[in-house]
Each structure stands twice: as structure tokens, then as C-alpha cells.
Amino acid sequence: MSQRNDPPYWKVLSVFIGLAFIAIFIWQFPSNSAEWAAWVQAFGAVTAVGSGVLLIRHQIVKQKEMDQEKERQQRIRLIKNLKTEIKVNWERVDSGWGKLLRTACEKGNGFEMMVNVKGWPFPVYDACARDLGLIESEETRDLLIAAYVAARGLLLTMEINNELIARWEAAVREAQHVSELNPAIEGAAQRQVDAAAAILHRYGLEVKDKYEHLGKLVVEVLKIEAR
């Protein structure tokens, strides 16, 4: 907080003390050199005390300004680091399998590619989550948190999609095995394959929605100005 925003209590107190001192001086106006010497000494003492008080207050104000600047720099680093982490991970996902996902799901085919989504690839967020309170803008905080929540949602969605792919592939292998050993029930096995494929394709819409939602949040996050 700047000096001009401080409550002016100390100024009012200083004025009252000064007026009281002047009133006493006028009331007890010195009449000889000894009294003048005493008053000069008193003025000097008051001036020294006042200067000390002003110096201490100046140091307090400067320390507050230094603390605020330190907090501001910490906030800037925090926002920049989170933006960088989101940007890098999004570019890795988008260039790796994101475009394939959009193409497949737009055609209604589902996403039939296994994706490694084990772990949580956001160590910066984990390390800095407790410092999010430094970000003064509630809108900015909510946007960053929403992006990470959406990223978590996409990872969980892809895990489920991986499981659906595994079930479909297992059904295909079983159908191949049945066709070799017992062609009489091949039709039933194929229906299992078709059912697993249908579930995978329908779930592709969920994957696409999660992916597009995260993409929109990333665009907004990258517009955040660190200040």
C-alpha cells in the first residue's frame, strides 16, 4: 500500500502535538536567556523525536512497498509458469493425437487409438497450487483452475476410451478364435464385436467434447496477462 493511501492518523496527531507545543510556548513565553536555552533544548528534543518517528515510518512504508513488489513478481512468475505448463502440454497433445481425435470423432468413428495417459503431467501446478491466492483476479484464478480441471477430465475420459478400445479388440480376437473353432456361433461373437464398436464410437462424442472444451480454455488461458 502506498504512503498516500495510509490512514492520516499520524498526521493529525502530529498537528495536535505541534499546536499544543506552540500554545505552551506562547503561554510560557521565555523572558530570559536561561528560559530560551531550555526552550531551544526542548525544541531540539521534540525535533529529534519527530525525525525518528518519521524515519521509522518511512522505513515501514518502504518495507511494505518492497514486500508488495516481491509479491507482484512472485505472482507474475506463477502465472507465467502455469501458462507455460498448459501451453506445452496442450501443444504436445494436439500435435500428438489431438488432430487424429477430431478427425475420427467428426466422422462418427470414435477414437480407436490407445493413448498413454498414466500419471499427472502438471508438476508446476502441484507445486504452486497453494500460491494461487496470490493471483488477485478471481476470474484469472478460476480460469486457470478450470483449465487444469478440464485437463484432468480429458485424461480420465481417455483412460475410459482406452478401456473401451481394449474391450473391442478383445471382442475381435474372440470372434476370430470362435470362427476358427466353432463357426456355428460366429454370428453371436460378431454381435459382441459390433456392440463393443458401437459403444466405442458413441463414446467418441464424449472424448471430442472434452477435448474441444479444454482447447477453448487453453486459448483463454494464453490470453492472460501476467502482472
Protein backbone atom coordinates (compact mmCIF):
# COMPACT_ATOMS: atom_id res chain seq x y z
CA MET A 1 0.00 0.00 0.00
CA SER A 2 1.41 3.42 -0.93
CA GLN A 3 2.07 6.16 1.58
CA ARG A 4 -0.73 8.36 0.26
CA ASN A 5 -3.24 5.62 0.96
CA ASP A 6 -2.25 5.25 4.62
CA PRO A 7 -4.77 6.50 7.18
CA PRO A 8 -3.63 10.06 8.15
CA TYR A 9 -3.83 9.41 11.91
CA TRP A 10 -0.17 10.17 12.41
CA LYS A 11 -0.56 13.49 10.58
CA VAL A 12 -3.48 14.55 12.78
CA LEU A 13 -1.59 13.53 15.90
CA SER A 14 1.48 15.46 14.77
CA VAL A 15 -0.60 18.59 14.17
CA PHE A 16 -2.21 18.36 17.62
CA ILE A 17 1.14 17.87 19.33
CA GLY A 18 2.64 20.76 17.37
CA LEU A 19 -0.25 23.09 18.20
CA ALA A 20 -0.09 22.08 21.87
CA PHE A 21 3.64 22.72 21.96
CA ILE A 22 3.21 26.13 20.32
CA ALA A 23 0.39 27.01 22.74
CA ILE A 24 2.57 26.12 25.71
CA PHE A 25 5.42 28.10 24.22
CA ILE A 26 3.24 31.20 23.84
CA TRP A 27 1.73 30.74 27.31
CA GLN A 28 5.13 30.26 28.89
CA PHE A 29 6.97 32.66 26.61
CA PRO A 30 10.62 32.80 27.73
CA SER A 31 11.70 36.00 29.43
CA ASN A 32 15.40 35.40 29.91
CA SER A 33 18.32 33.58 28.35
CA ALA A 34 18.03 30.55 30.62
CA GLU A 35 14.42 30.00 29.65
CA TRP A 36 15.30 30.49 26.00
CA ALA A 37 18.04 27.88 26.34
CA ALA A 38 15.58 25.44 27.92
CA TRP A 39 13.08 26.01 25.12
CA VAL A 40 15.73 25.56 22.46
CA GLN A 41 16.72 22.29 24.10
CA ALA A 42 13.05 21.24 24.23
CA PHE A 43 12.56 22.13 20.55
CA GLY A 44 15.64 20.11 19.69
CA ALA A 45 14.40 17.09 21.63
CA VAL A 46 10.96 17.26 20.01
CA THR A 47 12.53 17.65 16.57
CA ALA A 48 14.78 14.64 17.19
CA VAL A 49 11.85 12.51 18.33
CA GLY A 50 9.73 13.65 15.36
CA SER A 51 12.55 12.91 12.94
CA GLY A 52 12.98 9.46 14.47
CA VAL A 53 9.28 8.75 14.13
CA LEU A 54 9.26 9.91 10.51
CA LEU A 55 12.33 7.81 9.74
CA ILE A 56 10.77 4.71 11.26
CA ARG A 57 7.53 5.31 9.37
CA HIS A 58 9.46 5.82 6.13
CA GLN A 59 11.25 2.51 6.69
CA ILE A 60 7.93 0.76 7.35
CA VAL A 61 6.42 2.21 4.16
CA LYS A 62 9.47 1.20 2.11
CA GLN A 63 9.36 -2.30 3.56
CA LYS A 64 5.67 -2.57 2.62
CA GLU A 65 6.48 -1.43 -0.91
CA MET A 66 9.31 -3.96 -1.16
CA ASP A 67 7.03 -6.75 0.11
CA GLN A 68 4.33 -5.76 -2.38
CA GLU A 69 6.83 -5.71 -5.25
CA LYS A 70 8.16 -9.11 -4.18
CA GLU A 71 4.60 -10.47 -4.12
CA ARG A 72 3.90 -8.93 -7.53
CA GLN A 73 6.99 -10.56 -9.05
CA GLN A 74 6.03 -13.88 -7.45
CA ARG A 75 2.53 -13.54 -8.93
CA ILE A 76 3.96 -12.81 -12.38
CA ARG A 77 6.24 -15.86 -12.22
CA LEU A 78 3.36 -18.02 -11.03
CA ILE A 79 1.06 -17.03 -13.89
CA LYS A 80 3.83 -17.36 -16.49
CA ASN A 81 4.85 -20.79 -15.23
CA LEU A 82 1.27 -22.09 -15.23
CA LYS A 83 0.64 -20.69 -18.70
CA THR A 84 3.83 -22.29 -19.99
CA GLU A 85 2.93 -25.67 -18.50
CA ILE A 86 -0.57 -25.57 -20.01
CA LYS A 87 0.75 -24.40 -23.38
CA VAL A 88 3.49 -27.04 -23.62
CA ASN A 89 1.19 -29.90 -22.64
CA TRP A 90 -1.57 -28.75 -24.97
CA GLU A 91 0.80 -28.47 -27.94
CA ARG A 92 2.17 -31.94 -27.17
CA VAL A 93 -1.34 -33.42 -27.04
CA ASP A 94 -2.68 -31.52 -30.04
CA SER A 95 0.25 -32.41 -32.28
CA GLY A 96 0.46 -35.97 -30.99
CA TRP A 97 -3.10 -37.26 -31.26
CA GLY A 98 -5.47 -34.33 -30.98
CA LYS A 99 -5.93 -33.80 -34.72
CA LEU A 100 -6.47 -37.52 -35.27
CA LEU A 101 -9.06 -37.48 -32.50
CA ARG A 102 -11.01 -34.61 -34.05
CA THR A 103 -10.96 -36.19 -37.50
CA ALA A 104 -12.10 -39.59 -36.26
CA CYS A 105 -14.85 -38.29 -33.99
CA GLU A 106 -16.20 -35.87 -36.58
CA LYS A 107 -16.71 -38.86 -38.89
CA GLY A 108 -18.51 -40.71 -36.08
CA ASN A 109 -15.90 -43.45 -35.96
CA GLY A 110 -14.86 -42.97 -32.37
CA PHE A 111 -11.22 -42.70 -31.40
CA GLU A 112 -9.57 -46.09 -31.85
CA MET A 113 -6.05 -45.13 -30.80
CA MET A 114 -4.60 -46.11 -27.44
CA VAL A 115 -3.16 -43.08 -25.63
CA ASN A 116 -0.73 -43.15 -22.72
CA VAL A 117 -2.46 -41.06 -20.07
CA LYS A 118 -0.90 -42.52 -16.95
CA GLY A 119 0.22 -40.03 -14.36
CA TRP A 120 -0.48 -36.34 -13.93
CA PRO A 121 1.78 -34.27 -16.23
CA PHE A 122 1.41 -30.99 -14.32
CA PRO A 123 4.15 -30.77 -11.66
CA VAL A 124 4.17 -26.96 -11.78
CA TYR A 125 0.52 -26.80 -10.78
CA ASP A 126 1.08 -29.30 -7.97
CA ALA A 127 3.98 -27.26 -6.64
CA CYS A 128 2.25 -23.88 -6.95
CA ALA A 129 -1.40 -24.69 -6.16
CA ARG A 130 -1.05 -23.32 -2.63
CA ASP A 131 0.10 -19.96 -4.07
CA LEU A 132 -2.93 -19.40 -6.30
CA GLY A 133 -4.23 -16.98 -3.68
CA LEU A 134 -1.52 -14.55 -4.82
CA ILE A 135 -3.47 -14.02 -8.03
CA GLU A 136 -5.72 -11.06 -7.24
CA SER A 137 -8.15 -11.56 -10.11
CA GLU A 138 -10.79 -14.12 -9.20
CA GLU A 139 -11.59 -14.53 -12.89
CA THR A 140 -7.96 -15.40 -13.67
CA ARG A 141 -7.75 -17.88 -10.80
CA ASP A 142 -10.99 -19.56 -11.86
CA LEU A 143 -9.84 -19.78 -15.47
CA LEU A 144 -6.52 -21.42 -14.58
CA ILE A 145 -8.19 -23.88 -12.22
CA ALA A 146 -10.87 -24.65 -14.82
CA ALA A 147 -8.18 -25.45 -17.39
CA TYR A 148 -6.46 -27.92 -15.08
CA VAL A 149 -9.79 -29.48 -14.08
CA ALA A 150 -10.66 -29.86 -17.78
CA ALA A 151 -7.24 -31.44 -18.39
CA ARG A 152 -7.92 -33.93 -15.60
CA GLY A 153 -11.33 -34.65 -17.12
CA LEU A 154 -9.80 -35.30 -20.53
CA LEU A 155 -7.22 -37.66 -19.06
CA LEU A 156 -9.92 -39.65 -17.27
CA THR A 157 -12.00 -39.69 -20.45
CA MET A 158 -9.07 -41.04 -22.44
CA GLU A 159 -8.49 -43.73 -19.82
CA ILE A 160 -12.09 -44.89 -20.28
CA ASN A 161 -11.66 -44.69 -24.05
CA ASN A 162 -8.57 -46.91 -23.76
CA GLU A 163 -10.62 -49.45 -21.82
CA LEU A 164 -13.34 -49.42 -24.49
CA ILE A 165 -10.69 -49.97 -27.18
CA ALA A 166 -9.29 -52.89 -25.18
CA ARG A 167 -12.77 -54.44 -24.89
CA TRP A 168 -13.41 -54.01 -28.61
CA GLU A 169 -10.04 -55.54 -29.51
CA ALA A 170 -10.70 -58.42 -27.11
CA ALA A 171 -14.09 -59.00 -28.77
CA VAL A 172 -12.42 -59.02 -32.20
CA ARG A 173 -9.84 -61.59 -31.06
CA GLU A 174 -12.57 -63.72 -29.53
CA ALA A 175 -14.61 -63.58 -32.75
CA GLN A 176 -11.56 -64.69 -34.75
CA HIS A 177 -10.95 -67.50 -32.32
CA VAL A 178 -14.61 -68.60 -32.49
CA SER A 179 -14.63 -68.53 -36.28
CA GLU A 180 -11.72 -70.97 -36.29
CA LEU A 181 -13.04 -73.33 -33.63
CA ASN A 182 -16.83 -73.10 -33.80
CA PRO A 183 -18.24 -71.33 -36.85
CA ALA A 184 -21.78 -72.10 -35.62
CA ILE A 185 -21.62 -69.34 -33.02
CA GLU A 186 -19.64 -66.93 -35.15
CA GLY A 187 -22.69 -64.70 -35.52
CA ALA A 188 -23.05 -64.23 -31.77
CA ALA A 189 -19.36 -63.42 -31.46
CA GLN A 190 -19.64 -60.86 -34.26
CA ARG A 191 -22.56 -59.22 -32.50
CA GLN A 192 -20.31 -58.79 -29.46
CA VAL A 193 -17.76 -57.10 -31.71
CA ASP A 194 -20.40 -54.80 -33.19
CA ALA A 195 -21.74 -53.91 -29.74
CA ALA A 196 -18.26 -53.07 -28.43
CA ALA A 197 -17.54 -50.98 -31.55
CA ALA A 198 -20.84 -49.12 -31.17
CA ILE A 199 -20.07 -48.22 -27.56
CA LEU A 200 -16.60 -47.01 -28.56
CA HIS A 201 -17.99 -44.88 -31.37
CA ARG A 202 -20.67 -43.32 -29.18
CA TYR A 203 -18.12 -42.52 -26.52
CA GLY A 204 -16.11 -40.73 -29.16
CA LEU A 205 -18.55 -37.84 -28.84
CA GLU A 206 -17.70 -37.55 -25.15
CA VAL A 207 -13.99 -37.57 -25.95
CA LYS A 208 -14.44 -34.92 -28.63
CA ASP A 209 -16.48 -32.66 -26.32
CA LYS A 210 -13.89 -32.89 -23.54
CA TYR A 211 -11.07 -32.20 -25.98
CA GLU A 212 -12.76 -29.18 -27.56
CA HIS A 213 -13.73 -27.76 -24.15
CA LEU A 214 -10.12 -27.94 -22.97
CA GLY A 215 -8.94 -26.37 -26.23
CA LYS A 216 -11.21 -23.36 -25.69
CA LEU A 217 -9.96 -22.93 -22.13
CA VAL A 218 -6.34 -23.10 -23.28
CA VAL A 219 -6.99 -20.30 -25.78
CA GLU A 220 -8.38 -18.13 -22.96
CA VAL A 221 -5.54 -19.02 -20.58
CA LEU A 222 -2.92 -17.95 -23.12
CA LYS A 223 -4.57 -14.51 -23.27
CA ILE A 224 -3.92 -13.92 -19.56
CA GLU A 225 -1.50 -11.08 -18.89
CA ALA A 226 0.93 -11.68 -16.05
CA ARG A 227 1.10 -8.53 -13.95
